[in-house]
Amino acid sequence: FTLVIATSKPTVFAEQILKYFNINQYFELIVGSNLDGTRA
C-alpha cells in the first residue's frame, strides 16, 4: 500500500511529529495545511 498523511495540522509540524515517533519512513507523502492558514 502507498501511505499518505492528510492532516489539517501544518505540514512542518506533522513532519516533526512523525519523525519523533519514528514512523515517518512509512509515508510516501505528508500533506498538511500551510502556516499562513491556507489549504486548511
PDB file of all heavy atoms in Angstrom:
ATOM      1  N   PHE A   1       0.833  -1.194   0.000  1.00  0.00           N
ATOM      2  CA  PHE A   1       0.000   0.000   0.000  1.00  0.00           C
ATOM      3  C   PHE A   1       0.878   1.258   0.000  1.00  0.00           C
ATOM      4  O   PHE A   1       1.970   1.260   0.560  1.00  0.00           O
ATOM      5  CB  PHE A   1      -0.894   0.042   1.242  1.00  0.00           C
ATOM      6  CG  PHE A   1      -1.987  -0.985   1.258  1.00  0.00           C
ATOM      7  CD1 PHE A   1      -1.844  -2.171   1.976  1.00  0.00           C
ATOM      8  CD2 PHE A   1      -3.166  -0.772   0.567  1.00  0.00           C
ATOM      9  CE1 PHE A   1      -2.854  -3.112   2.010  1.00  0.00           C
ATOM     10  CE2 PHE A   1      -4.196  -1.715   0.586  1.00  0.00           C
ATOM     11  CZ  PHE A   1      -4.035  -2.888   1.315  1.00  0.00           C
ATOM     12  N   THR A   2       0.377   2.325  -0.609  1.00  0.00           N
ATOM     13  CA  THR A   2       1.011   3.635  -0.523  1.00  0.00           C
ATOM     14  C   THR A   2       0.328   4.400   0.598  1.00  0.00           C
ATOM     15  O   THR A   2      -0.901   4.561   0.595  1.00  0.00           O
ATOM     16  CB  THR A   2       0.868   4.401  -1.851  1.00  0.00           C
ATOM     17  OG1 THR A   2       1.573   3.706  -2.870  1.00  0.00           O
ATOM     18  CG2 THR A   2       1.428   5.816  -1.731  1.00  0.00           C
ATOM     19  N   LEU A   3       1.105   4.873   1.576  1.00  0.00           N
ATOM     20  CA  LEU A   3       0.547   5.556   2.740  1.00  0.00           C
ATOM     21  C   LEU A   3       0.858   7.048   2.670  1.00  0.00           C
ATOM     22  O   LEU A   3       1.982   7.442   2.370  1.00  0.00           O
ATOM     23  CB  LEU A   3       1.127   4.979   4.027  1.00  0.00           C
ATOM     24  CG  LEU A   3       1.044   3.455   4.209  1.00  0.00           C
ATOM     25  CD1 LEU A   3       1.571   3.053   5.584  1.00  0.00           C
ATOM     26  CD2 LEU A   3      -0.377   2.951   4.016  1.00  0.00           C
ATOM     27  N   VAL A   4      -0.163   7.856   2.967  1.00  0.00           N
ATOM     28  CA  VAL A   4      -0.049   9.307   2.890  1.00  0.00           C
ATOM     29  C   VAL A   4      -0.687   9.920   4.129  1.00  0.00           C
ATOM     30  O   VAL A   4      -1.738   9.461   4.587  1.00  0.00           O
ATOM     31  CB  VAL A   4      -0.752   9.846   1.622  1.00  0.00           C
ATOM     32  CG1 VAL A   4      -0.687  11.366   1.565  1.00  0.00           C
ATOM     33  CG2 VAL A   4      -0.145   9.240   0.360  1.00  0.00           C
ATOM     34  N   ILE A   5      -0.061  10.948   4.680  1.00  0.00           N
ATOM     35  CA  ILE A   5      -0.666  11.710   5.776  1.00  0.00           C
ATOM     36  C   ILE A   5      -1.510  12.831   5.190  1.00  0.00           C
ATOM     37  O   ILE A   5      -1.053  13.581   4.325  1.00  0.00           O
ATOM     38  CB  ILE A   5       0.410  12.312   6.702  1.00  0.00           C
ATOM     39  CG1 ILE A   5       1.102  11.222   7.525  1.00  0.00           C
ATOM     40  CG2 ILE A   5      -0.191  13.374   7.630  1.00  0.00           C
ATOM     41  CD1 ILE A   5       0.232  10.583   8.587  1.00  0.00           C
ATOM     42  N   ALA A   6      -2.749  12.958   5.693  1.00  0.00           N
ATOM     43  CA  ALA A   6      -3.655  14.044   5.297  1.00  0.00           C
ATOM     44  C   ALA A   6      -4.174  14.690   6.581  1.00  0.00           C
ATOM     45  O   ALA A   6      -5.131  14.210   7.190  1.00  0.00           O
ATOM     46  CB  ALA A   6      -4.807  13.507   4.461  1.00  0.00           C
ATOM     47  N   THR A   7      -3.538  15.775   7.007  1.00  0.00           N
ATOM     48  CA  THR A   7      -3.859  16.400   8.282  1.00  0.00           C
ATOM     49  C   THR A   7      -4.077  17.898   8.119  1.00  0.00           C
ATOM     50  O   THR A   7      -3.455  18.529   7.264  1.00  0.00           O
ATOM     51  CB  THR A   7      -2.723  16.156   9.306  1.00  0.00           C
ATOM     52  OG1 THR A   7      -3.009  16.868  10.519  1.00  0.00           O
ATOM     53  CG2 THR A   7      -1.371  16.632   8.770  1.00  0.00           C
ATOM     54  N   SER A   8      -4.932  18.451   8.961  1.00  0.00           N
ATOM     55  CA  SER A   8      -5.122  19.906   8.965  1.00  0.00           C
ATOM     56  C   SER A   8      -4.017  20.614   9.743  1.00  0.00           C
ATOM     57  O   SER A   8      -3.909  21.833   9.690  1.00  0.00           O
ATOM     58  CB  SER A   8      -6.489  20.266   9.562  1.00  0.00           C
ATOM     59  OG  SER A   8      -7.529  19.841   8.704  1.00  0.00           O
ATOM     60  N   LYS A   9      -3.204  19.848  10.460  1.00  0.00           N
ATOM     61  CA  LYS A   9      -2.051  20.416  11.154  1.00  0.00           C
ATOM     62  C   LYS A   9      -1.050  20.917  10.108  1.00  0.00           C
ATOM     63  O   LYS A   9      -0.910  20.305   9.047  1.00  0.00           O
ATOM     64  CB  LYS A   9      -1.414  19.332  12.023  1.00  0.00           C
ATOM     65  CG  LYS A   9      -0.259  19.799  12.893  1.00  0.00           C
ATOM     66  CD  LYS A   9       0.333  18.637  13.668  1.00  0.00           C
ATOM     67  CE  LYS A   9      -0.644  18.075  14.662  1.00  0.00           C
ATOM     68  NZ  LYS A   9      -1.100  19.043  15.677  1.00  0.00           N
ATOM     69  N   PRO A  10      -0.329  22.024  10.359  1.00  0.00           N
ATOM     70  CA  PRO A  10       0.678  22.455   9.398  1.00  0.00           C
ATOM     71  C   PRO A  10       1.669  21.344   9.062  1.00  0.00           C
ATOM     72  O   PRO A  10       2.111  20.602   9.941  1.00  0.00           O
ATOM     73  CB  PRO A  10       1.371  23.614  10.130  1.00  0.00           C
ATOM     74  CG  PRO A  10       0.293  24.188  10.995  1.00  0.00           C
ATOM     75  CD  PRO A  10      -0.488  22.990  11.468  1.00  0.00           C
ATOM     76  N   THR A  11       2.001  21.240   7.795  1.00  0.00           N
ATOM     77  CA  THR A  11       2.869  20.163   7.315  1.00  0.00           C
ATOM     78  C   THR A  11       4.170  20.096   8.113  1.00  0.00           C
ATOM     79  O   THR A  11       4.636  19.012   8.476  1.00  0.00           O
ATOM     80  CB  THR A  11       3.190  20.364   5.825  1.00  0.00           C
ATOM     81  OG1 THR A  11       1.962  20.444   5.096  1.00  0.00           O
ATOM     82  CG2 THR A  11       4.018  19.208   5.282  1.00  0.00           C
ATOM     83  N   VAL A  12       4.755  21.250   8.398  1.00  0.00           N
ATOM     84  CA  VAL A  12       6.042  21.274   9.089  1.00  0.00           C
ATOM     85  C   VAL A  12       5.957  20.637  10.475  1.00  0.00           C
ATOM     86  O   VAL A  12       6.890  19.950  10.915  1.00  0.00           O
ATOM     87  CB  VAL A  12       6.589  22.721   9.175  1.00  0.00           C
ATOM     88  CG1 VAL A  12       5.678  23.617   9.991  1.00  0.00           C
ATOM     89  CG2 VAL A  12       8.007  22.734   9.728  1.00  0.00           C
ATOM     90  N   PHE A  13       4.839  20.804  11.171  1.00  0.00           N
ATOM     91  CA  PHE A  13       4.665  20.178  12.483  1.00  0.00           C
ATOM     92  C   PHE A  13       4.406  18.678  12.334  1.00  0.00           C
ATOM     93  O   PHE A  13       4.922  17.873  13.111  1.00  0.00           O
ATOM     94  CB  PHE A  13       3.508  20.825  13.254  1.00  0.00           C
ATOM     95  CG  PHE A  13       3.736  22.263  13.604  1.00  0.00           C
ATOM     96  CD1 PHE A  13       2.669  23.123  13.800  1.00  0.00           C
ATOM     97  CD2 PHE A  13       5.020  22.778  13.745  1.00  0.00           C
ATOM     98  CE1 PHE A  13       2.862  24.457  14.130  1.00  0.00           C
ATOM     99  CE2 PHE A  13       5.235  24.111  14.073  1.00  0.00           C
ATOM    100  CZ  PHE A  13       4.153  24.949  14.269  1.00  0.00           C
ATOM    101  N   ALA A  14       3.600  18.317  11.356  1.00  0.00           N
ATOM    102  CA  ALA A  14       3.303  16.898  11.122  1.00  0.00           C
ATOM    103  C   ALA A  14       4.585  16.119  10.833  1.00  0.00           C
ATOM    104  O   ALA A  14       4.784  15.005  11.332  1.00  0.00           O
ATOM    105  CB  ALA A  14       2.317  16.750   9.969  1.00  0.00           C
ATOM    106  N   GLU A  15       5.456  16.699  10.029  1.00  0.00           N
ATOM    107  CA  GLU A  15       6.721  16.040   9.697  1.00  0.00           C
ATOM    108  C   GLU A  15       7.559  15.783  10.957  1.00  0.00           C
ATOM    109  O   GLU A  15       8.136  14.696  11.121  1.00  0.00           O
ATOM    110  CB  GLU A  15       7.509  16.888   8.701  1.00  0.00           C
ATOM    111  CG  GLU A  15       6.889  16.927   7.319  1.00  0.00           C
ATOM    112  CD  GLU A  15       7.561  17.935   6.395  1.00  0.00           C
ATOM    113  OE1 GLU A  15       8.290  18.822   6.894  1.00  0.00           O
ATOM    114  OE2 GLU A  15       7.344  17.839   5.177  1.00  0.00           O
ATOM    115  N   GLN A  16       7.615  16.780  11.840  1.00  0.00           N
ATOM    116  CA  GLN A  16       8.405  16.629  13.069  1.00  0.00           C
ATOM    117  C   GLN A  16       7.817  15.576  14.001  1.00  0.00           C
ATOM    118  O   GLN A  16       8.545  14.807  14.640  1.00  0.00           O
ATOM    119  CB  GLN A  16       8.503  17.971  13.788  1.00  0.00           C
ATOM    120  CG  GLN A  16       9.325  19.006  13.050  1.00  0.00           C
ATOM    121  CD  GLN A  16       9.388  20.321  13.810  1.00  0.00           C
ATOM    122  OE1 GLN A  16       9.918  20.406  14.913  1.00  0.00           O
ATOM    123  NE2 GLN A  16       8.825  21.365  13.213  1.00  0.00           N
ATOM    124  N   ILE A  17       6.491  15.530  14.071  1.00  0.00           N
ATOM    125  CA  ILE A  17       5.827  14.556  14.946  1.00  0.00           C
ATOM    126  C   ILE A  17       6.050  13.135  14.441  1.00  0.00           C
ATOM    127  O   ILE A  17       6.346  12.216  15.219  1.00  0.00           O
ATOM    128  CB  ILE A  17       4.321  14.879  15.052  1.00  0.00           C
ATOM    129  CG1 ILE A  17       4.130  16.180  15.850  1.00  0.00           C
ATOM    130  CG2 ILE A  17       3.554  13.732  15.711  1.00  0.00           C
ATOM    131  CD1 ILE A  17       2.746  16.768  15.746  1.00  0.00           C
ATOM    132  N   LEU A  18       5.946  12.928  13.145  1.00  0.00           N
ATOM    133  CA  LEU A  18       6.164  11.592  12.581  1.00  0.00           C
ATOM    134  C   LEU A  18       7.601  11.129  12.797  1.00  0.00           C
ATOM    135  O   LEU A  18       7.853   9.952  13.081  1.00  0.00           O
ATOM    136  CB  LEU A  18       5.820  11.583  11.094  1.00  0.00           C
ATOM    137  CG  LEU A  18       4.344  11.833  10.760  1.00  0.00           C
ATOM    138  CD1 LEU A  18       4.169  12.020   9.263  1.00  0.00           C
ATOM    139  CD2 LEU A  18       3.476  10.685  11.247  1.00  0.00           C
ATOM    140  N   LYS A  19       8.550  12.055  12.681  1.00  0.00           N
ATOM    141  CA  LYS A  19       9.956  11.714  12.950  1.00  0.00           C
ATOM    142  C   LYS A  19      10.150  11.400  14.433  1.00  0.00           C
ATOM    143  O   LYS A  19      10.892  10.463  14.793  1.00  0.00           O
ATOM    144  CB  LYS A  19      10.870  12.867  12.535  1.00  0.00           C
ATOM    145  CG  LYS A  19      11.011  13.017  11.032  1.00  0.00           C
ATOM    146  CD  LYS A  19      11.914  14.206  10.683  1.00  0.00           C
ATOM    147  CE  LYS A  19      12.005  14.397   9.175  1.00  0.00           C
ATOM    148  NZ  LYS A  19      12.811  15.594   8.814  1.00  0.00           N
ATOM    149  N   TYR A  20       9.498  12.157  15.292  1.00  0.00           N
ATOM    150  CA  TYR A  20       9.595  11.928  16.741  1.00  0.00           C
ATOM    151  C   TYR A  20       9.130  10.519  17.100  1.00  0.00           C
ATOM    152  O   TYR A  20       9.751   9.836  17.928  1.00  0.00           O
ATOM    153  CB  TYR A  20       8.747  12.978  17.462  1.00  0.00           C
ATOM    154  CG  TYR A  20       8.606  12.773  18.949  1.00  0.00           C
ATOM    155  CD1 TYR A  20       9.664  13.048  19.815  1.00  0.00           C
ATOM    156  CD2 TYR A  20       7.400  12.337  19.489  1.00  0.00           C
ATOM    157  CE1 TYR A  20       9.531  12.870  21.184  1.00  0.00           C
ATOM    158  CE2 TYR A  20       7.256  12.162  20.863  1.00  0.00           C
ATOM    159  CZ  TYR A  20       8.322  12.422  21.705  1.00  0.00           C
ATOM    160  OH  TYR A  20       8.175  12.241  23.053  1.00  0.00           O
ATOM    161  N   PHE A  21       8.063  10.066  16.454  1.00  0.00           N
ATOM    162  CA  PHE A  21       7.543   8.719  16.705  1.00  0.00           C
ATOM    163  C   PHE A  21       8.256   7.641  15.880  1.00  0.00           C
ATOM    164  O   PHE A  21       7.952   6.454  16.016  1.00  0.00           O
ATOM    165  CB  PHE A  21       6.045   8.664  16.396  1.00  0.00           C
ATOM    166  CG  PHE A  21       5.183   9.335  17.420  1.00  0.00           C
ATOM    167  CD1 PHE A  21       4.211  10.244  17.039  1.00  0.00           C
ATOM    168  CD2 PHE A  21       5.324   9.061  18.774  1.00  0.00           C
ATOM    169  CE1 PHE A  21       3.394  10.858  17.978  1.00  0.00           C
ATOM    170  CE2 PHE A  21       4.513   9.662  19.722  1.00  0.00           C
ATOM    171  CZ  PHE A  21       3.553  10.565  19.324  1.00  0.00           C
ATOM    172  N   ASN A  22       9.163   8.065  15.011  1.00  0.00           N
ATOM    173  CA  ASN A  22       9.901   7.143  14.141  1.00  0.00           C
ATOM    174  C   ASN A  22       8.966   6.332  13.237  1.00  0.00           C
ATOM    175  O   ASN A  22       9.157   5.126  13.019  1.00  0.00           O
ATOM    176  CB  ASN A  22      10.787   6.199  14.964  1.00  0.00           C
ATOM    177  CG  ASN A  22      11.827   5.497  14.107  1.00  0.00           C
ATOM    178  OD1 ASN A  22      12.297   6.044  13.105  1.00  0.00           O
ATOM    179  ND2 ASN A  22      12.189   4.277  14.479  1.00  0.00           N
ATOM    180  N   ILE A  23       7.946   7.000  12.699  1.00  0.00           N
ATOM    181  CA  ILE A  23       7.054   6.330  11.749  1.00  0.00           C
ATOM    182  C   ILE A  23       7.026   7.064  10.404  1.00  0.00           C
ATOM    183  O   ILE A  23       6.255   6.706   9.509  1.00  0.00           O
ATOM    184  CB  ILE A  23       5.607   6.193  12.293  1.00  0.00           C
ATOM    185  CG1 ILE A  23       5.016   7.559  12.661  1.00  0.00           C
ATOM    186  CG2 ILE A  23       5.568   5.243  13.487  1.00  0.00           C
ATOM    187  CD1 ILE A  23       3.550   7.512  13.063  1.00  0.00           C
ATOM    188  N   ASN A  24       7.867   8.074  10.262  1.00  0.00           N
ATOM    189  CA  ASN A  24       7.868   8.856   9.016  1.00  0.00           C
ATOM    190  C   ASN A  24       8.252   8.018   7.811  1.00  0.00           C
ATOM    191  O   ASN A  24       7.837   8.300   6.681  1.00  0.00           O
ATOM    192  CB  ASN A  24       8.806  10.060   9.141  1.00  0.00           C
ATOM    193  CG  ASN A  24      10.214   9.671   9.545  1.00  0.00           C
ATOM    194  OD1 ASN A  24      10.402   9.052  10.595  1.00  0.00           O
ATOM    195  ND2 ASN A  24      11.211  10.025   8.748  1.00  0.00           N
ATOM    196  N   GLN A  25       9.046   6.947   8.025  1.00  0.00           N
ATOM    197  CA  GLN A  25       9.514   6.141   6.899  1.00  0.00           C
ATOM    198  C   GLN A  25       8.397   5.367   6.215  1.00  0.00           C
ATOM    199  O   GLN A  25       8.572   4.884   5.095  1.00  0.00           O
ATOM    200  CB  GLN A  25      10.603   5.162   7.353  1.00  0.00           C
ATOM    201  CG  GLN A  25      10.128   4.016   8.227  1.00  0.00           C
ATOM    202  CD  GLN A  25      10.171   4.344   9.714  1.00  0.00           C
ATOM    203  OE1 GLN A  25      10.172   5.510  10.092  1.00  0.00           O
ATOM    204  NE2 GLN A  25      10.220   3.316  10.550  1.00  0.00           N
ATOM    205  N   TYR A  26       7.240   5.261   6.854  1.00  0.00           N
ATOM    206  CA  TYR A  26       6.133   4.511   6.259  1.00  0.00           C
ATOM    207  C   TYR A  26       5.335   5.344   5.258  1.00  0.00           C
ATOM    208  O   TYR A  26       4.549   4.797   4.482  1.00  0.00           O
ATOM    209  CB  TYR A  26       5.189   3.985   7.342  1.00  0.00           C
ATOM    210  CG  TYR A  26       5.854   3.030   8.299  1.00  0.00           C
ATOM    211  CD1 TYR A  26       5.930   3.303   9.663  1.00  0.00           C
ATOM    212  CD2 TYR A  26       6.433   1.839   7.844  1.00  0.00           C
ATOM    213  CE1 TYR A  26       6.544   2.438  10.547  1.00  0.00           C
ATOM    214  CE2 TYR A  26       7.052   0.954   8.715  1.00  0.00           C
ATOM    215  CZ  TYR A  26       7.106   1.261  10.060  1.00  0.00           C
ATOM    216  OH  TYR A  26       7.724   0.395  10.933  1.00  0.00           O
ATOM    217  N   PHE A  27       5.529   6.657   5.267  1.00  0.00           N
ATOM    218  CA  PHE A  27       4.689   7.540   4.464  1.00  0.00           C
ATOM    219  C   PHE A  27       5.431   8.086   3.248  1.00  0.00           C
ATOM    220  O   PHE A  27       6.515   8.647   3.370  1.00  0.00           O
ATOM    221  CB  PHE A  27       4.157   8.687   5.329  1.00  0.00           C
ATOM    222  CG  PHE A  27       3.248   8.203   6.417  1.00  0.00           C
ATOM    223  CD1 PHE A  27       3.738   7.957   7.693  1.00  0.00           C
ATOM    224  CD2 PHE A  27       1.917   7.939   6.150  1.00  0.00           C
ATOM    225  CE1 PHE A  27       2.913   7.469   8.696  1.00  0.00           C
ATOM    226  CE2 PHE A  27       1.075   7.455   7.139  1.00  0.00           C
ATOM    227  CZ  PHE A  27       1.573   7.215   8.412  1.00  0.00           C
ATOM    228  N   GLU A  28       4.796   7.930   2.100  1.00  0.00           N
ATOM    229  CA  GLU A  28       5.380   8.436   0.857  1.00  0.00           C
ATOM    230  C   GLU A  28       5.221   9.946   0.738  1.00  0.00           C
ATOM    231  O   GLU A  28       6.040  10.630   0.118  1.00  0.00           O
ATOM    232  CB  GLU A  28       4.731   7.739  -0.337  1.00  0.00           C
ATOM    233  CG  GLU A  28       5.330   8.117  -1.679  1.00  0.00           C
ATOM    234  CD  GLU A  28       4.814   7.259  -2.807  1.00  0.00           C
ATOM    235  OE1 GLU A  28       5.184   6.070  -2.863  1.00  0.00           O
ATOM    236  OE2 GLU A  28       4.027   7.776  -3.627  1.00  0.00           O
ATOM    237  N   LEU A  29       4.155  10.472   1.346  1.00  0.00           N
ATOM    238  CA  LEU A  29       3.853  11.899   1.240  1.00  0.00           C
ATOM    239  C   LEU A  29       3.190  12.358   2.528  1.00  0.00           C
ATOM    240  O   LEU A  29       2.389  11.624   3.124  1.00  0.00           O
ATOM    241  CB  LEU A  29       2.921  12.141   0.044  1.00  0.00           C
ATOM    242  CG  LEU A  29       2.541  13.576  -0.310  1.00  0.00           C
ATOM    243  CD1 LEU A  29       3.763  14.371  -0.743  1.00  0.00           C
ATOM    244  CD2 LEU A  29       1.484  13.571  -1.421  1.00  0.00           C
ATOM    245  N   ILE A  30       3.547  13.554   2.976  1.00  0.00           N
ATOM    246  CA  ILE A  30       2.939  14.155   4.166  1.00  0.00           C
ATOM    247  C   ILE A  30       2.334  15.489   3.749  1.00  0.00           C
ATOM    248  O   ILE A  30       3.059  16.402   3.341  1.00  0.00           O
ATOM    249  CB  ILE A  30       3.980  14.374   5.274  1.00  0.00           C
ATOM    250  CG1 ILE A  30       4.608  13.038   5.686  1.00  0.00           C
ATOM    251  CG2 ILE A  30       3.350  15.070   6.487  1.00  0.00           C
ATOM    252  CD1 ILE A  30       5.827  13.179   6.570  1.00  0.00           C
ATOM    253  N   VAL A  31       1.020  15.592   3.836  1.00  0.00           N
ATOM    254  CA  VAL A  31       0.324  16.805   3.402  1.00  0.00           C
ATOM    255  C   VAL A  31      -0.498  17.363   4.554  1.00  0.00           C
ATOM    256  O   VAL A  31      -1.344  16.674   5.129  1.00  0.00           O
ATOM    257  CB  VAL A  31      -0.595  16.536   2.197  1.00  0.00           C
ATOM    258  CG1 VAL A  31      -1.325  17.822   1.790  1.00  0.00           C
ATOM    259  CG2 VAL A  31       0.204  15.976   1.030  1.00  0.00           C
ATOM    260  N   GLY A  32      -0.214  18.611   4.902  1.00  0.00           N
ATOM    261  CA  GLY A  32      -0.987  19.315   5.914  1.00  0.00           C
ATOM    262  C   GLY A  32      -1.357  20.693   5.411  1.00  0.00           C
ATOM    263  O   GLY A  32      -1.311  20.971   4.215  1.00  0.00           O
ATOM    264  N   SER A  33      -1.685  21.558   6.342  1.00  0.00           N
ATOM    265  CA  SER A  33      -2.007  22.933   5.979  1.00  0.00           C
ATOM    266  C   SER A  33      -0.720  23.739   5.861  1.00  0.00           C
ATOM    267  O   SER A  33       0.363  23.284   6.236  1.00  0.00           O
ATOM    268  CB  SER A  33      -2.924  23.547   7.033  1.00  0.00           C
ATOM    269  OG  SER A  33      -2.280  23.564   8.296  1.00  0.00           O
ATOM    270  N   ASN A  34      -0.851  24.948   5.338  1.00  0.00           N
ATOM    271  CA  ASN A  34       0.272  25.883   5.291  1.00  0.00           C
ATOM    272  C   ASN A  34       0.245  26.761   6.530  1.00  0.00           C
ATOM    273  O   ASN A  34      -0.810  27.005   7.113  1.00  0.00           O
ATOM    274  CB  ASN A  34       0.195  26.741   4.026  1.00  0.00           C
ATOM    275  CG  ASN A  34       0.278  25.909   2.756  1.00  0.00           C
ATOM    276  OD1 ASN A  34       1.106  25.012   2.649  1.00  0.00           O
ATOM    277  ND2 ASN A  34      -0.593  26.196   1.794  1.00  0.00           N
ATOM    278  N   LEU A  35       1.398  27.260   6.936  1.00  0.00           N
ATOM    279  CA  LEU A  35       1.474  28.074   8.142  1.00  0.00           C
ATOM    280  C   LEU A  35       0.668  29.364   8.047  1.00  0.00           C
ATOM    281  O   LEU A  35       0.271  29.932   9.059  1.00  0.00           O
ATOM    282  CB  LEU A  35       2.938  28.402   8.475  1.00  0.00           C
ATOM    283  CG  LEU A  35       3.750  27.250   9.075  1.00  0.00           C
ATOM    284  CD1 LEU A  35       5.220  27.618   9.143  1.00  0.00           C
ATOM    285  CD2 LEU A  35       3.224  26.863  10.453  1.00  0.00           C
ATOM    286  N   ASP A  36       0.411  29.824   6.820  1.00  0.00           N
ATOM    287  CA  ASP A  36      -0.376  31.055   6.662  1.00  0.00           C
ATOM    288  C   ASP A  36      -1.879  30.802   6.711  1.00  0.00           C
ATOM    289  O   ASP A  36      -2.676  31.717   6.512  1.00  0.00           O
ATOM    290  CB  ASP A  36      -0.003  31.760   5.350  1.00  0.00           C
ATOM    291  CG  ASP A  36      -0.348  30.947   4.110  1.00  0.00           C
ATOM    292  OD1 ASP A  36      -0.930  29.842   4.235  1.00  0.00           O
ATOM    293  OD2 ASP A  36      -0.035  31.416   2.999  1.00  0.00           O
ATOM    294  N   GLY A  37      -2.259  29.554   7.000  1.00  0.00           N
ATOM    295  CA  GLY A  37      -3.670  29.224   7.153  1.00  0.00           C
ATOM    296  C   GLY A  37      -4.348  28.733   5.898  1.00  0.00           C
ATOM    297  O   GLY A  37      -5.521  28.339   5.937  1.00  0.00           O
ATOM    298  N   THR A  38      -3.642  28.737   4.772  1.00  0.00           N
ATOM    299  CA  THR A  38      -4.233  28.227   3.530  1.00  0.00           C
ATOM    300  C   THR A  38      -4.127  26.708   3.490  1.00  0.00           C
ATOM    301  O   THR A  38      -3.352  26.102   4.212  1.00  0.00           O
ATOM    302  CB  THR A  38      -3.553  28.839   2.294  1.00  0.00           C
ATOM    303  OG1 THR A  38      -2.140  28.552   2.336  1.00  0.00           O
ATOM    304  CG2 THR A  38      -3.750  30.342   2.275  1.00  0.00           C
ATOM    305  N   ARG A  39      -4.910  26.109   2.630  1.00  0.00           N
ATOM    306  CA  ARG A  39      -5.034  24.651   2.482  1.00  0.00           C
ATOM    307  C   ARG A  39      -5.281  24.002   3.846  1.00  0.00           C
ATOM    308  O   ARG A  39      -4.651  23.009   4.216  1.00  0.00           O
ATOM    309  CB  ARG A  39      -3.791  24.051   1.816  1.00  0.00           C
ATOM    310  CG  ARG A  39      -4.053  22.668   1.192  1.00  0.00           C
ATOM    311  CD  ARG A  39      -2.845  22.119   0.481  1.00  0.00           C
ATOM    312  NE  ARG A  39      -1.777  21.798   1.432  1.00  0.00           N
ATOM    313  CZ  ARG A  39      -0.491  21.732   1.116  1.00  0.00           C
ATOM    314  NH1 ARG A  39      -0.098  21.975  -0.122  1.00  0.00           N
ATOM    315  NH2 ARG A  39       0.415  21.420   2.032  1.00  0.00           N
ATOM    316  N   ALA A  40      -6.258  24.534   4.559  1.00  0.00           N
ATOM    317  CA  ALA A  40      -6.536  24.034   5.909  1.00  0.00           C
ATOM    318  C   ALA A  40      -7.685  23.037   5.949  1.00  0.00           C
ATOM    319  O   ALA A  40      -7.739  22.195   6.843  1.00  0.00           O
ATOM    320  CB  ALA A  40      -6.833  25.195   6.849  1.00  0.00           C
TER     321      ALA A  40
END
